[in-house]
Amino acid sequence: MIRRIALLLVAGAALAACGDKVPESEAAKKLGKVPKQTIDRASEGVNKALQQGVERNRDADKGN
């Protein structure tokens, strides 16, 4: 009984050690990139809005 438990523990440890060597699938890579793409799009939108605000302020200052 103890040998079986020890054997299962050794097998489990061996599987856990090999777990990080499994290549990541393309679908998983694409899913991992989605949050970064969303953040990039949001920051681009914020930058565009800020630039428009700066241009409007310049135009308003020229008008005065």
Protein backbone atom coordinates (compact mmCIF):
# COMPACT_ATOMS: atom_id res chain seq x y z
CA MET A 1 0.00 0.00 0.00
CA ILE A 2 2.78 2.42 0.94
CA ARG A 3 4.65 1.50 -2.25
CA ARG A 4 1.60 2.38 -4.37
CA ILE A 5 1.25 5.75 -2.69
CA ALA A 6 4.96 6.42 -3.14
CA LEU A 7 4.76 5.36 -6.78
CA LEU A 8 1.77 7.66 -7.36
CA LEU A 9 3.60 10.57 -5.72
CA VAL A 10 6.69 10.01 -7.86
CA ALA A 11 4.57 9.74 -11.01
CA GLY A 12 2.67 12.89 -10.09
CA ALA A 13 5.90 14.78 -9.47
CA ALA A 14 7.29 13.62 -12.80
CA LEU A 15 4.16 14.77 -14.63
CA ALA A 16 4.22 18.12 -12.84
CA ALA A 17 7.86 18.63 -13.82
CA CYS A 18 7.07 18.02 -17.49
CA GLY A 19 3.96 20.19 -17.48
CA ASP A 20 5.76 23.42 -18.33
CA LYS A 21 7.41 21.89 -21.38
CA VAL A 22 4.14 21.37 -23.26
CA PRO A 23 3.96 23.82 -26.17
CA GLU A 24 1.23 26.42 -26.00
CA SER A 25 -1.45 26.10 -28.65
CA GLU A 26 -2.10 28.89 -31.15
CA ALA A 27 -5.60 29.40 -29.76
CA ALA A 28 -4.20 29.88 -26.25
CA LYS A 29 -1.62 32.36 -27.56
CA LYS A 30 -4.34 34.37 -29.31
CA LEU A 31 -6.47 34.40 -26.17
CA GLY A 32 -3.48 35.59 -24.18
CA LYS A 33 -2.96 38.52 -26.55
CA VAL A 34 -6.57 39.77 -26.34
CA PRO A 35 -6.17 41.75 -23.08
CA LYS A 36 -3.03 43.45 -24.41
CA GLN A 37 -4.77 44.37 -27.65
CA THR A 38 -7.72 45.78 -25.71
CA ILE A 39 -5.44 47.90 -23.55
CA ASP A 40 -3.54 49.10 -26.63
CA ARG A 41 -6.78 50.13 -28.37
CA ALA A 42 -8.00 51.94 -25.28
CA SER A 43 -4.73 53.83 -24.86
CA GLU A 44 -4.78 54.80 -28.55
CA GLY A 45 -8.30 56.17 -28.12
CA VAL A 46 -7.28 58.14 -25.04
CA ASN A 47 -4.25 59.56 -26.85
CA LYS A 48 -6.40 60.62 -29.81
CA ALA A 49 -8.91 62.27 -27.49
CA LEU A 50 -6.16 64.15 -25.66
CA GLN A 51 -4.65 65.31 -28.95
CA GLN A 52 -8.06 66.56 -30.11
CA GLY A 53 -8.45 68.46 -26.84
CA VAL A 54 -5.05 70.09 -27.30
CA GLU A 55 -5.95 71.11 -30.85
CA ARG A 56 -9.29 72.56 -29.74
CA ASN A 57 -7.57 74.57 -27.01
CA ARG A 58 -5.07 75.93 -29.56
CA ASP A 59 -7.87 76.89 -31.92
CA ALA A 60 -9.78 78.56 -29.08
CA ASP A 61 -6.66 80.50 -28.05
CA LYS A 62 -6.08 81.67 -31.63
CA GLY A 63 -9.67 82.88 -31.85
CA ASN A 64 -9.31 85.05 -28.76
